């Protein structure tokens, strides 16, 4: 035990729930490098002093917990793992895992569904037979009674070998080479620094052409002849895939614009519970309407979404978004308007 820790003879946590202690123990066993007190506090949503008391309580329960020097901090971990009885998954956890597998399969994400299905088998095989017999009937009943609705849209291309090669290049920090059947140089061979993968309505490799830093999106279904080169390549240290994705309303990247939308009072309640964009600001107005503002690119994709709100949203800014919406509506109207009605 580290210097300064005094074994009290009892666990001074009478007001703390056992579930939080178990969660902390699981986090300490799941972390290879260990957790600092500040990281424990953030993980549990408590103050530092409470985290310190909880660490001491876990140390009482798991004497093999160790302290690691990492100046100016100390890190703590349970390196031997936890007993299978303590780690047995709950009914809710198994149900959500099963639903995630079914949802990925329905969306066409076969390789990722197979990976989770393999994890599910491992979890069940590691459970004690009595616990397994107790939860399986409930899990099966809930899985039959719950469903993830699949939205209309393209089935994303998801080739297991392609994803595996990209992931290997990312972990090894090596350059990728492939022919890309898209963009301005369709069919040309490209050397690309892999930054990450974005999964969604279509799946993309995010990377930068060798010798540049500006990331671009490459659709996985347009990549051919993928290979890893024996050449070191890694994204800039300050690159963040979530931040990059948040710059766009959808997938397409472009010039970022400041978006301002006015949701009419009759749709205000829906807007208050709606997530337009990760950076959105939602402001209720005195007349009952709601102002929604955020910064993003991808104006065309945004127009496609705003059309689902029919006449309940007004575009206040930018003018380019209003123009794009008007243009798309005119095109749709020209295609579907009754010729006789137009003539009259």
C-alpha atoms as a PDB file:
ATOM      1  CA  UNK A   1       0.000   0.000   0.000  1.00  0.00           C
ATOM      2  CA  UNK A   2       1.256   3.542  -0.687  1.00  0.00           C
ATOM      3  CA  UNK A   3       2.777   5.705   2.019  1.00  0.00           C
ATOM      4  CA  UNK A   4       0.168   7.703   3.863  1.00  0.00           C
ATOM      5  CA  UNK A   5      -2.607   5.137   3.537  1.00  0.00           C
ATOM      6  CA  UNK A   6      -3.864   3.949   6.918  1.00  0.00           C
ATOM      7  CA  UNK A   7      -5.990   0.834   7.097  1.00  0.00           C
ATOM      8  CA  UNK A   8      -8.948   1.851   9.201  1.00  0.00           C
ATOM      9  CA  UNK A   9     -10.370  -1.564  10.063  1.00  0.00           C
ATOM     10  CA  UNK A  10     -13.694  -0.748   8.439  1.00  0.00           C
ATOM     11  CA  UNK A  11     -14.930   0.709   5.177  1.00  0.00           C
ATOM     12  CA  UNK A  12     -15.883   4.378   5.789  1.00  0.00           C
ATOM     13  CA  UNK A  13     -18.488   4.422   3.062  1.00  0.00           C
ATOM     14  CA  UNK A  14     -21.812   3.908   4.849  1.00  0.00           C
ATOM     15  CA  UNK A  15     -23.484   6.530   2.683  1.00  0.00           C
ATOM     16  CA  UNK A  16     -22.075   5.331  -0.625  1.00  0.00           C
ATOM     17  CA  UNK A  17     -23.848   2.802  -2.785  1.00  0.00           C
ATOM     18  CA  UNK A  18     -22.185  -0.542  -3.342  1.00  0.00           C
ATOM     19  CA  UNK A  19     -22.811  -0.096  -7.059  1.00  0.00           C
ATOM     20  CA  UNK A  20     -20.394   2.852  -7.221  1.00  0.00           C
ATOM     21  CA  UNK A  21     -17.703   0.840  -5.479  1.00  0.00           C
ATOM     22  CA  UNK A  22     -18.175  -1.994  -7.943  1.00  0.00           C
ATOM     23  CA  UNK A  23     -18.047   0.447 -10.847  1.00  0.00           C
ATOM     24  CA  UNK A  24     -14.783   1.884  -9.540  1.00  0.00           C
ATOM     25  CA  UNK A  25     -13.313  -1.585  -9.055  1.00  0.00           C
ATOM     26  CA  UNK A  26     -14.263  -2.516 -12.618  1.00  0.00           C
ATOM     27  CA  UNK A  27     -12.692   0.669 -13.968  1.00  0.00           C
ATOM     28  CA  UNK A  28      -9.482   0.056 -12.026  1.00  0.00           C
ATOM     29  CA  UNK A  29      -9.310  -3.517 -13.318  1.00  0.00           C
ATOM     30  CA  UNK A  30     -10.081  -2.427 -16.897  1.00  0.00           C
ATOM     31  CA  UNK A  31      -7.345   0.241 -17.066  1.00  0.00           C
ATOM     32  CA  UNK A  32      -3.883  -0.959 -18.118  1.00  0.00           C
ATOM     33  CA  UNK A  33      -2.112   2.225 -16.987  1.00  0.00           C
ATOM     34  CA  UNK A  34      -4.288   2.845 -13.928  1.00  0.00           C
ATOM     35  CA  UNK A  35      -6.409   5.824 -12.857  1.00  0.00           C
ATOM     36  CA  UNK A  36      -5.505   8.958 -10.926  1.00  0.00           C
ATOM     37  CA  UNK A  37      -7.788  10.245  -8.177  1.00  0.00           C
ATOM     38  CA  UNK A  38      -9.005  13.002 -10.474  1.00  0.00           C
ATOM     39  CA  UNK A  39      -9.859  10.449 -13.170  1.00  0.00           C
ATOM     40  CA  UNK A  40     -11.729   8.348 -10.588  1.00  0.00           C
ATOM     41  CA  UNK A  41     -13.716  11.400  -9.520  1.00  0.00           C
ATOM     42  CA  UNK A  42     -14.617  12.194 -13.122  1.00  0.00           C
ATOM     43  CA  UNK A  43     -15.559   8.562 -13.838  1.00  0.00           C
ATOM     44  CA  UNK A  44     -17.922   8.423 -10.858  1.00  0.00           C
ATOM     45  CA  UNK A  45     -19.203  11.991 -10.944  1.00  0.00           C
ATOM     46  CA  UNK A  46     -18.047  12.748  -7.388  1.00  0.00           C
ATOM     47  CA  UNK A  47     -15.613  15.118  -5.700  1.00  0.00           C
ATOM     48  CA  UNK A  48     -11.945  14.325  -5.181  1.00  0.00           C
ATOM     49  CA  UNK A  49     -12.323  13.698  -1.425  1.00  0.00           C
ATOM     50  CA  UNK A  50     -15.178  11.260  -2.071  1.00  0.00           C
ATOM     51  CA  UNK A  51     -13.100   9.539  -4.743  1.00  0.00           C
ATOM     52  CA  UNK A  52     -10.257   9.183  -2.242  1.00  0.00           C
ATOM     53  CA  UNK A  53     -12.574   7.534   0.303  1.00  0.00           C
ATOM     54  CA  UNK A  54     -13.945   5.222  -2.347  1.00  0.00           C
ATOM     55  CA  UNK A  55     -10.439   4.271  -3.461  1.00  0.00           C
ATOM     56  CA  UNK A  56      -9.615   3.315   0.131  1.00  0.00           C
ATOM     57  CA  UNK A  57     -12.811   1.271   0.357  1.00  0.00           C
ATOM     58  CA  UNK A  58     -11.992  -0.597  -2.845  1.00  0.00           C
ATOM     59  CA  UNK A  59      -8.504  -1.229  -1.476  1.00  0.00           C
ATOM     60  CA  UNK A  60     -10.104  -2.902   1.545  1.00  0.00           C
ATOM     61  CA  UNK A  61     -12.108  -5.171  -0.752  1.00  0.00           C
ATOM     62  CA  UNK A  62      -9.290  -5.839  -3.232  1.00  0.00           C
ATOM     63  CA  UNK A  63      -5.939  -5.898  -1.352  1.00  0.00           C
ATOM     64  CA  UNK A  64      -4.067  -6.658  -4.598  1.00  0.00           C
ATOM     65  CA  UNK A  65      -4.756  -3.155  -5.882  1.00  0.00           C
ATOM     66  CA  UNK A  66      -1.462  -1.367  -6.522  1.00  0.00           C
ATOM     67  CA  UNK A  67      -0.221   2.217  -6.698  1.00  0.00           C
ATOM     68  CA  UNK A  68       2.012   3.309  -9.575  1.00  0.00           C
ATOM     69  CA  UNK A  69       4.232   6.378  -9.533  1.00  0.00           C
ATOM     70  CA  UNK A  70       3.474   8.714 -12.440  1.00  0.00           C
ATOM     71  CA  UNK A  71       4.826  12.114 -11.310  1.00  0.00           C
ATOM     72  CA  UNK A  72       3.268  14.414 -10.367  1.00  0.00           C
ATOM     73  CA  UNK A  73       0.420  11.930  -9.776  1.00  0.00           C
ATOM     74  CA  UNK A  74      -0.106   8.402  -8.594  1.00  0.00           C
ATOM     75  CA  UNK A  75      -2.117   5.894 -10.574  1.00  0.00           C
ATOM     76  CA  UNK A  76      -4.020   2.962  -9.148  1.00  0.00           C
ATOM     77  CA  UNK A  77      -5.080  -0.289 -10.752  1.00  0.00           C
ATOM     78  CA  UNK A  78      -6.217  -3.812  -9.972  1.00  0.00           C
ATOM     79  CA  UNK A  79      -3.824  -5.717 -12.196  1.00  0.00           C
ATOM     80  CA  UNK A  80      -5.105  -9.216 -11.456  1.00  0.00           C
ATOM     81  CA  UNK A  81      -8.605  -8.545 -12.767  1.00  0.00           C
ATOM     82  CA  UNK A  82     -11.838  -9.260 -10.940  1.00  0.00           C
ATOM     83  CA  UNK A  83     -13.519 -12.528 -10.081  1.00  0.00           C
ATOM     84  CA  UNK A  84     -16.033 -13.777 -12.660  1.00  0.00           C
ATOM     85  CA  UNK A  85     -18.859 -13.728 -10.110  1.00  0.00           C
ATOM     86  CA  UNK A  86     -18.379  -9.999  -9.537  1.00  0.00           C
ATOM     87  CA  UNK A  87     -18.099  -9.391 -13.268  1.00  0.00           C
ATOM     88  CA  UNK A  88     -21.199 -11.345 -14.319  1.00  0.00           C
ATOM     89  CA  UNK A  89     -23.204  -9.201 -16.779  1.00  0.00           C
ATOM     90  CA  UNK A  90     -26.710  -8.122 -15.833  1.00  0.00           C
ATOM     91  CA  UNK A  91     -29.901  -8.843 -17.752  1.00  0.00           C
ATOM     92  CA  UNK A  92     -30.050  -5.246 -18.995  1.00  0.00           C
ATOM     93  CA  UNK A  93     -26.445  -5.358 -20.225  1.00  0.00           C
ATOM     94  CA  UNK A  94     -26.989  -8.597 -22.167  1.00  0.00           C
ATOM     95  CA  UNK A  95     -30.239  -7.274 -23.660  1.00  0.00           C
ATOM     96  CA  UNK A  96     -28.579  -4.068 -24.875  1.00  0.00           C
ATOM     97  CA  UNK A  97     -25.664  -6.043 -26.326  1.00  0.00           C
ATOM     98  CA  UNK A  98     -28.065  -8.342 -28.184  1.00  0.00           C
ATOM     99  CA  UNK A  99     -30.032  -5.350 -29.505  1.00  0.00           C
ATOM    100  CA  UNK A 100     -26.824  -3.674 -30.663  1.00  0.00           C
ATOM    101  CA  UNK A 101     -25.907  -6.840 -32.590  1.00  0.00           C
ATOM    102  CA  UNK A 102     -29.332  -7.005 -34.249  1.00  0.00           C
ATOM    103  CA  UNK A 103     -29.228  -3.285 -35.047  1.00  0.00           C
ATOM    104  CA  UNK A 104     -25.846  -3.563 -36.762  1.00  0.00           C
ATOM    105  CA  UNK A 105     -26.974  -6.579 -38.763  1.00  0.00           C
ATOM    106  CA  UNK A 106     -30.143  -4.807 -39.890  1.00  0.00           C
ATOM    107  CA  UNK A 107     -28.089  -1.772 -40.930  1.00  0.00           C
ATOM    108  CA  UNK A 108     -25.791  -3.941 -43.049  1.00  0.00           C
ATOM    109  CA  UNK A 109     -22.817  -3.707 -40.674  1.00  0.00           C
ATOM    110  CA  UNK A 110     -22.098  -7.448 -40.744  1.00  0.00           C
ATOM    111  CA  UNK A 111     -18.441  -7.464 -39.601  1.00  0.00           C
ATOM    112  CA  UNK A 112     -19.109  -5.267 -36.566  1.00  0.00           C
ATOM    113  CA  UNK A 113     -22.204  -7.322 -35.713  1.00  0.00           C
ATOM    114  CA  UNK A 114     -20.078 -10.483 -35.880  1.00  0.00           C
ATOM    115  CA  UNK A 115     -17.472  -8.962 -33.551  1.00  0.00           C
ATOM    116  CA  UNK A 116     -20.124  -8.117 -30.951  1.00  0.00           C
ATOM    117  CA  UNK A 117     -21.744 -11.544 -31.353  1.00  0.00           C
ATOM    118  CA  UNK A 118     -18.360 -13.114 -30.592  1.00  0.00           C
ATOM    119  CA  UNK A 119     -18.094 -10.925 -27.482  1.00  0.00           C
ATOM    120  CA  UNK A 120     -21.580 -12.011 -26.405  1.00  0.00           C
ATOM    121  CA  UNK A 121     -20.614 -15.699 -26.720  1.00  0.00           C
ATOM    122  CA  UNK A 122     -17.487 -15.111 -24.647  1.00  0.00           C
ATOM    123  CA  UNK A 123     -19.470 -13.339 -21.935  1.00  0.00           C
ATOM    124  CA  UNK A 124     -22.050 -16.108 -21.747  1.00  0.00           C
ATOM    125  CA  UNK A 125     -19.436 -18.858 -21.757  1.00  0.00           C
ATOM    126  CA  UNK A 126     -17.592 -17.157 -18.870  1.00  0.00           C
ATOM    127  CA  UNK A 127     -20.730 -16.942 -16.719  1.00  0.00           C
ATOM    128  CA  UNK A 128     -21.399 -19.506 -14.045  1.00  0.00           C
ATOM    129  CA  UNK A 129     -24.143 -21.915 -15.025  1.00  0.00           C
ATOM    130  CA  UNK A 130     -26.504 -20.859 -12.217  1.00  0.00           C
ATOM    131  CA  UNK A 131     -26.226 -17.189 -13.198  1.00  0.00           C
ATOM    132  CA  UNK A 132     -26.657 -18.045 -16.864  1.00  0.00           C
ATOM    133  CA  UNK A 133     -29.802 -20.083 -16.200  1.00  0.00           C
ATOM    134  CA  UNK A 134     -31.194 -17.212 -14.155  1.00  0.00           C
ATOM    135  CA  UNK A 135     -30.764 -14.421 -16.727  1.00  0.00           C
ATOM    136  CA  UNK A 136     -31.158 -16.154 -20.115  1.00  0.00           C
ATOM    137  CA  UNK A 137     -34.992 -16.504 -20.006  1.00  0.00           C
ATOM    138  CA  UNK A 138     -35.365 -12.800 -19.165  1.00  0.00           C
ATOM    139  CA  UNK A 139     -32.858 -11.793 -21.829  1.00  0.00           C
ATOM    140  CA  UNK A 140     -34.604 -13.843 -24.515  1.00  0.00           C
ATOM    141  CA  UNK A 141     -38.036 -12.458 -23.526  1.00  0.00           C
ATOM    142  CA  UNK A 142     -36.868  -8.833 -23.617  1.00  0.00           C
ATOM    143  CA  UNK A 143     -35.009  -9.274 -26.904  1.00  0.00           C
ATOM    144  CA  UNK A 144     -38.226 -10.551 -28.502  1.00  0.00           C
ATOM    145  CA  UNK A 145     -40.175  -7.619 -27.030  1.00  0.00           C
ATOM    146  CA  UNK A 146     -37.807  -4.806 -28.073  1.00  0.00           C
ATOM    147  CA  UNK A 147     -36.701  -3.648 -31.503  1.00  0.00           C
ATOM    148  CA  UNK A 148     -34.361  -1.038 -32.945  1.00  0.00           C
ATOM    149  CA  UNK A 149     -36.227   0.593 -35.837  1.00  0.00           C
ATOM    150  CA  UNK A 150     -34.132   0.717 -39.006  1.00  0.00           C
ATOM    151  CA  UNK A 151     -34.415   4.013 -40.862  1.00  0.00           C
ATOM    152  CA  UNK A 152     -34.634   4.189 -44.627  1.00  0.00           C
ATOM    153  CA  UNK A 153     -31.326   4.969 -46.284  1.00  0.00           C
ATOM    154  CA  UNK A 154     -28.338   3.462 -48.047  1.00  0.00           C
ATOM    155  CA  UNK A 155     -26.871   0.224 -46.730  1.00  0.00           C
ATOM    156  CA  UNK A 156     -23.270   1.110 -45.807  1.00  0.00           C
ATOM    157  CA  UNK A 157     -20.476  -0.867 -47.425  1.00  0.00           C
ATOM    158  CA  UNK A 158     -18.706  -2.830 -44.735  1.00  0.00           C
ATOM    159  CA  UNK A 159     -16.017  -5.213 -45.922  1.00  0.00           C
ATOM    160  CA  UNK A 160     -14.284  -6.979 -43.037  1.00  0.00           C
ATOM    161  CA  UNK A 161     -10.906  -7.168 -44.778  1.00  0.00           C
ATOM    162  CA  UNK A 162     -10.928  -3.490 -45.780  1.00  0.00           C
ATOM    163  CA  UNK A 163     -11.723  -2.352 -42.247  1.00  0.00           C
ATOM    164  CA  UNK A 164      -9.124  -4.728 -40.771  1.00  0.00           C
ATOM    165  CA  UNK A 165      -6.361  -3.372 -43.035  1.00  0.00           C
ATOM    166  CA  UNK A 166      -7.243   0.256 -42.229  1.00  0.00           C
ATOM    167  CA  UNK A 167      -7.283  -0.474 -38.494  1.00  0.00           C
ATOM    168  CA  UNK A 168      -3.917  -2.214 -38.742  1.00  0.00           C
ATOM    169  CA  UNK A 169      -2.439   0.808 -40.527  1.00  0.00           C
ATOM    170  CA  UNK A 170      -3.850   3.168 -37.898  1.00  0.00           C
ATOM    171  CA  UNK A 171      -2.382   1.111 -35.032  1.00  0.00           C
ATOM    172  CA  UNK A 172       0.987   0.702 -36.785  1.00  0.00           C
ATOM    173  CA  UNK A 173       0.950   4.376 -37.922  1.00  0.00           C
ATOM    174  CA  UNK A 174       1.816   3.426 -41.491  1.00  0.00           C
ATOM    175  CA  UNK A 175       0.866   4.876 -44.866  1.00  0.00           C
ATOM    176  CA  UNK A 176      -1.950   3.369 -46.955  1.00  0.00           C
ATOM    177  CA  UNK A 177      -1.962   3.003 -50.739  1.00  0.00           C
ATOM    178  CA  UNK A 178      -5.075   2.311 -52.823  1.00  0.00           C
ATOM    179  CA  UNK A 179      -6.943   3.155 -56.009  1.00  0.00           C
ATOM    180  CA  UNK A 180      -9.858   5.472 -55.359  1.00  0.00           C
ATOM    181  CA  UNK A 181     -12.825   5.264 -57.713  1.00  0.00           C
ATOM    182  CA  UNK A 182     -14.139   8.701 -56.867  1.00  0.00           C
ATOM    183  CA  UNK A 183     -13.175  12.319 -56.588  1.00  0.00           C
ATOM    184  CA  UNK A 184     -11.607  14.448 -59.282  1.00  0.00           C
ATOM    185  CA  UNK A 185      -9.009  11.766 -60.156  1.00  0.00           C
ATOM    186  CA  UNK A 186     -11.208   8.686 -60.241  1.00  0.00           C
ATOM    187  CA  UNK A 187      -9.169   5.493 -60.556  1.00  0.00           C
ATOM    188  CA  UNK A 188      -5.870   7.151 -59.608  1.00  0.00           C
ATOM    189  CA  UNK A 189      -3.570   5.542 -57.060  1.00  0.00           C
ATOM    190  CA  UNK A 190      -3.311   7.468 -53.804  1.00  0.00           C
ATOM    191  CA  UNK A 191      -1.000   7.370 -50.802  1.00  0.00           C
ATOM    192  CA  UNK A 192      -2.995   8.395 -47.745  1.00  0.00           C
ATOM    193  CA  UNK A 193      -2.180   8.957 -44.076  1.00  0.00           C
ATOM    194  CA  UNK A 194      -5.009   7.204 -42.168  1.00  0.00           C
ATOM    195  CA  UNK A 195      -6.657   9.370 -39.505  1.00  0.00           C
ATOM    196  CA  UNK A 196      -9.653   7.175 -38.645  1.00  0.00           C
ATOM    197  CA  UNK A 197     -12.911   5.607 -39.829  1.00  0.00           C
ATOM    198  CA  UNK A 198     -16.365   7.203 -39.713  1.00  0.00           C
ATOM    199  CA  UNK A 199     -19.341   4.830 -39.683  1.00  0.00           C
ATOM    200  CA  UNK A 200     -22.774   6.094 -40.683  1.00  0.00           C
ATOM    201  CA  UNK A 201     -25.164   6.146 -43.627  1.00  0.00           C
ATOM    202  CA  UNK A 202     -22.010   5.498 -45.627  1.00  0.00           C
ATOM    203  CA  UNK A 203     -18.638   4.461 -44.201  1.00  0.00           C
ATOM    204  CA  UNK A 204     -15.542   6.551 -44.795  1.00  0.00           C
ATOM    205  CA  UNK A 205     -11.797   6.432 -44.295  1.00  0.00           C
ATOM    206  CA  UNK A 206     -10.694   9.834 -43.003  1.00  0.00           C
ATOM    207  CA  UNK A 207      -7.157  10.650 -44.044  1.00  0.00           C
ATOM    208  CA  UNK A 208      -4.835  13.102 -45.759  1.00  0.00           C
ATOM    209  CA  UNK A 209      -2.900  12.710 -48.984  1.00  0.00           C
ATOM    210  CA  UNK A 210       0.754  12.021 -48.233  1.00  0.00           C
ATOM    211  CA  UNK A 211       2.652  15.269 -47.757  1.00  0.00           C
ATOM    212  CA  UNK A 212      -0.430  17.188 -46.619  1.00  0.00           C
ATOM    213  CA  UNK A 213      -2.333  17.578 -43.338  1.00  0.00           C
ATOM    214  CA  UNK A 214      -5.835  18.489 -44.547  1.00  0.00           C
ATOM    215  CA  UNK A 215      -8.152  15.515 -43.912  1.00  0.00           C
ATOM    216  CA  UNK A 216     -10.518  14.205 -46.573  1.00  0.00           C
ATOM    217  CA  UNK A 217     -13.194  11.509 -46.704  1.00  0.00           C
ATOM    218  CA  UNK A 218     -12.774   8.380 -48.834  1.00  0.00           C
ATOM    219  CA  UNK A 219     -15.809   6.117 -49.188  1.00  0.00           C
ATOM    220  CA  UNK A 220     -14.858   2.544 -48.353  1.00  0.00           C
ATOM    221  CA  UNK A 221     -16.883   1.109 -51.234  1.00  0.00           C
ATOM    222  CA  UNK A 222     -14.752   3.116 -53.690  1.00  0.00           C
ATOM    223  CA  UNK A 223     -11.401   1.867 -52.385  1.00  0.00           C
ATOM    224  CA  UNK A 224      -9.598  -0.877 -54.340  1.00  0.00           C
ATOM    225  CA  UNK A 225      -6.206  -2.572 -54.041  1.00  0.00           C
ATOM    226  CA  UNK A 226      -5.713  -1.473 -50.437  1.00  0.00           C
ATOM    227  CA  UNK A 227      -2.256  -2.106 -49.004  1.00  0.00           C
ATOM    228  CA  UNK A 228      -0.109  -0.946 -46.097  1.00  0.00           C
ATOM    229  CA  UNK A 229       3.229   0.622 -46.984  1.00  0.00           C
ATOM    230  CA  UNK A 230       6.365   0.294 -44.895  1.00  0.00           C
ATOM    231  CA  UNK A 231       6.425   4.030 -44.322  1.00  0.00           C
ATOM    232  CA  UNK A 232       5.593   5.793 -41.060  1.00  0.00           C
ATOM    233  CA  UNK A 233       2.531   8.026 -41.183  1.00  0.00           C
ATOM    234  CA  UNK A 234       0.306   9.430 -38.437  1.00  0.00           C
ATOM    235  CA  UNK A 235      -2.235  12.234 -38.062  1.00  0.00           C
ATOM    236  CA  UNK A 236      -1.165  15.523 -36.442  1.00  0.00           C
ATOM    237  CA  UNK A 237      -1.084  15.429 -32.650  1.00  0.00           C
ATOM    238  CA  UNK A 238      -3.892  17.973 -32.426  1.00  0.00           C
ATOM    239  CA  UNK A 239      -6.256  16.119 -34.777  1.00  0.00           C
ATOM    240  CA  UNK A 240      -9.546  15.000 -33.204  1.00  0.00           C
ATOM    241  CA  UNK A 241     -11.905  12.796 -35.196  1.00  0.00           C
ATOM    242  CA  UNK A 242     -14.992  13.852 -33.151  1.00  0.00           C
ATOM    243  CA  UNK A 243     -14.130  17.539 -33.685  1.00  0.00           C
ATOM    244  CA  UNK A 244     -13.608  16.929 -37.395  1.00  0.00           C
ATOM    245  CA  UNK A 245     -16.953  15.142 -37.713  1.00  0.00           C
ATOM    246  CA  UNK A 246     -18.727  17.902 -35.759  1.00  0.00           C
ATOM    247  CA  UNK A 247     -17.721  20.501 -38.369  1.00  0.00           C
ATOM    248  CA  UNK A 248     -20.249  19.014 -40.782  1.00  0.00           C
ATOM    249  CA  UNK A 249     -23.998  18.546 -40.471  1.00  0.00           C
ATOM    250  CA  UNK A 250     -23.552  15.106 -42.035  1.00  0.00           C
ATOM    251  CA  UNK A 251     -20.527  13.629 -43.758  1.00  0.00           C
ATOM    252  CA  UNK A 252     -19.686  16.167 -46.427  1.00  0.00           C
ATOM    253  CA  UNK A 253     -17.023  18.661 -45.409  1.00  0.00           C
ATOM    254  CA  UNK A 254     -16.902  22.178 -46.758  1.00  0.00           C
ATOM    255  CA  UNK A 255     -16.832  25.791 -45.663  1.00  0.00           C
ATOM    256  CA  UNK A 256     -18.241  26.115 -42.155  1.00  0.00           C
ATOM    257  CA  UNK A 257     -21.228  28.447 -41.831  1.00  0.00           C
ATOM    258  CA  UNK A 258     -23.059  29.908 -38.841  1.00  0.00           C
ATOM    259  CA  UNK A 259     -26.561  28.416 -38.935  1.00  0.00           C
ATOM    260  CA  UNK A 260     -29.570  30.110 -37.297  1.00  0.00           C
ATOM    261  CA  UNK A 261     -33.003  28.465 -37.424  1.00  0.00           C
ATOM    262  CA  UNK A 262     -36.344  29.596 -35.997  1.00  0.00           C
ATOM    263  CA  UNK A 263     -38.691  26.828 -34.936  1.00  0.00           C
ATOM    264  CA  UNK A 264     -42.319  27.949 -34.822  1.00  0.00           C
ATOM    265  CA  UNK A 265     -44.197  27.753 -31.496  1.00  0.00           C
ATOM    266  CA  UNK A 266     -46.283  24.725 -32.522  1.00  0.00           C
ATOM    267  CA  UNK A 267     -43.088  22.677 -32.977  1.00  0.00           C
ATOM    268  CA  UNK A 268     -41.112  24.233 -30.124  1.00  0.00           C
ATOM    269  CA  UNK A 269     -41.541  21.280 -27.760  1.00  0.00           C
ATOM    270  CA  UNK A 270     -40.112  18.894 -30.356  1.00  0.00           C
ATOM    271  CA  UNK A 271     -37.202  21.262 -31.038  1.00  0.00           C
ATOM    272  CA  UNK A 272     -36.272  21.477 -27.354  1.00  0.00           C
ATOM    273  CA  UNK A 273     -35.732  17.725 -27.319  1.00  0.00           C
ATOM    274  CA  UNK A 274     -34.095  17.515 -30.753  1.00  0.00           C
ATOM    275  CA  UNK A 275     -30.397  17.191 -31.501  1.00  0.00           C
ATOM    276  CA  UNK A 276     -29.655  19.107 -34.679  1.00  0.00           C
ATOM    277  CA  UNK A 277     -25.899  19.271 -34.142  1.00  0.00           C
ATOM    278  CA  UNK A 278     -23.349  18.596 -31.359  1.00  0.00           C
ATOM    279  CA  UNK A 279     -22.518  22.320 -31.094  1.00  0.00           C
ATOM    280  CA  UNK A 280     -26.106  23.594 -31.076  1.00  0.00           C
ATOM    281  CA  UNK A 281     -27.433  26.371 -28.850  1.00  0.00           C
ATOM    282  CA  UNK A 282     -31.185  26.299 -28.183  1.00  0.00           C
ATOM    283  CA  UNK A 283     -32.913  29.491 -26.959  1.00  0.00           C
ATOM    284  CA  UNK A 284     -36.661  29.663 -26.201  1.00  0.00           C
ATOM    285  CA  UNK A 285     -38.229  32.998 -27.236  1.00  0.00           C
ATOM    286  CA  UNK A 286     -40.989  35.064 -25.630  1.00  0.00           C
ATOM    287  CA  UNK A 287     -43.400  34.344 -28.502  1.00  0.00           C
ATOM    288  CA  UNK A 288     -43.063  30.595 -27.893  1.00  0.00           C
ATOM    289  CA  UNK A 289     -40.719  29.942 -30.786  1.00  0.00           C
ATOM    290  CA  UNK A 290     -37.202  28.508 -30.416  1.00  0.00           C
ATOM    291  CA  UNK A 291     -33.956  29.738 -31.945  1.00  0.00           C
ATOM    292  CA  UNK A 292     -31.447  27.020 -32.815  1.00  0.00           C
ATOM    293  CA  UNK A 293     -27.907  28.020 -33.790  1.00  0.00           C
ATOM    294  CA  UNK A 294     -24.744  26.069 -34.544  1.00  0.00           C
ATOM    295  CA  UNK A 295     -21.733  26.096 -36.859  1.00  0.00           C
ATOM    296  CA  UNK A 296     -21.392  23.431 -39.538  1.00  0.00           C
ATOM    297  CA  UNK A 297     -20.742  22.687 -43.187  1.00  0.00           C
ATOM    298  CA  UNK A 298     -22.851  20.399 -45.363  1.00  0.00           C
ATOM    299  CA  UNK A 299     -25.656  22.807 -46.272  1.00  0.00           C
ATOM    300  CA  UNK A 300     -27.271  20.420 -48.750  1.00  0.00           C
ATOM    301  CA  UNK A 301     -27.547  17.634 -46.181  1.00  0.00           C
ATOM    302  CA  UNK A 302     -28.972  20.145 -43.719  1.00  0.00           C
ATOM    303  CA  UNK A 303     -31.633  21.145 -46.245  1.00  0.00           C
ATOM    304  CA  UNK A 304     -32.624  17.511 -46.697  1.00  0.00           C
ATOM    305  CA  UNK A 305     -33.146  17.255 -42.949  1.00  0.00           C
ATOM    306  CA  UNK A 306     -34.981  20.563 -42.569  1.00  0.00           C
ATOM    307  CA  UNK A 307     -37.496  19.455 -45.202  1.00  0.00           C
ATOM    308  CA  UNK A 308     -38.729  16.790 -42.740  1.00  0.00           C
ATOM    309  CA  UNK A 309     -39.910  19.665 -40.495  1.00  0.00           C
ATOM    310  CA  UNK A 310     -42.172  20.868 -43.335  1.00  0.00           C
ATOM    311  CA  UNK A 311     -43.179  24.507 -42.657  1.00  0.00           C
ATOM    312  CA  UNK A 312     -42.333  24.473 -38.942  1.00  0.00           C
ATOM    313  CA  UNK A 313     -38.793  25.845 -39.357  1.00  0.00           C
ATOM    314  CA  UNK A 314     -37.627  29.117 -40.860  1.00  0.00           C
ATOM    315  CA  UNK A 315     -34.020  29.567 -41.992  1.00  0.00           C
ATOM    316  CA  UNK A 316     -32.708  32.884 -40.661  1.00  0.00           C
ATOM    317  CA  UNK A 317     -29.044  32.470 -41.647  1.00  0.00           C
ATOM    318  CA  UNK A 318     -26.999  32.099 -43.696  1.00  0.00           C
ATOM    319  CA  UNK A 319     -28.488  33.308 -46.953  1.00  0.00           C
ATOM    320  CA  UNK A 320     -26.675  30.486 -48.775  1.00  0.00           C
ATOM    321  CA  UNK A 321     -28.693  27.939 -46.810  1.00  0.00           C
ATOM    322  CA  UNK A 322     -31.977  29.695 -47.694  1.00  0.00           C
ATOM    323  CA  UNK A 323     -30.943  29.745 -51.358  1.00  0.00           C
ATOM    324  CA  UNK A 324     -30.001  26.059 -51.312  1.00  0.00           C
ATOM    325  CA  UNK A 325     -33.325  25.127 -49.721  1.00  0.00           C
ATOM    326  CA  UNK A 326     -35.277  27.207 -52.276  1.00  0.00           C
ATOM    327  CA  UNK A 327     -33.332  25.628 -55.138  1.00  0.00           C
ATOM    328  CA  UNK A 328     -33.955  22.081 -53.888  1.00  0.00           C
ATOM    329  CA  UNK A 329     -37.667  22.769 -53.357  1.00  0.00           C
ATOM    330  CA  UNK A 330     -37.944  24.244 -56.873  1.00  0.00           C
ATOM    331  CA  UNK A 331     -36.301  21.176 -58.381  1.00  0.00           C
ATOM    332  CA  UNK A 332     -38.603  18.823 -56.489  1.00  0.00           C
ATOM    333  CA  UNK A 333     -41.666  20.881 -57.419  1.00  0.00           C
ATOM    334  CA  UNK A 334     -40.681  20.946 -61.101  1.00  0.00           C
ATOM    335  CA  UNK A 335     -40.378  17.172 -61.075  1.00  0.00           C
ATOM    336  CA  UNK A 336     -43.650  16.432 -59.289  1.00  0.00           C
ATOM    337  CA  UNK A 337     -46.000  19.317 -60.080  1.00  0.00           C
ATOM    338  CA  UNK A 338     -49.076  18.425 -62.128  1.00  0.00           C
ATOM    339  CA  UNK A 339     -48.490  19.878 -65.619  1.00  0.00           C
ATOM    340  CA  UNK A 340     -52.177  20.780 -65.882  1.00  0.00           C
ATOM    341  CA  UNK A 341     -52.065  22.700 -62.597  1.00  0.00           C
ATOM    342  CA  UNK A 342     -48.980  24.594 -63.723  1.00  0.00           C
ATOM    343  CA  UNK A 343     -50.663  25.623 -66.990  1.00  0.00           C
ATOM    344  CA  UNK A 344     -53.764  26.929 -65.228  1.00  0.00           C
END
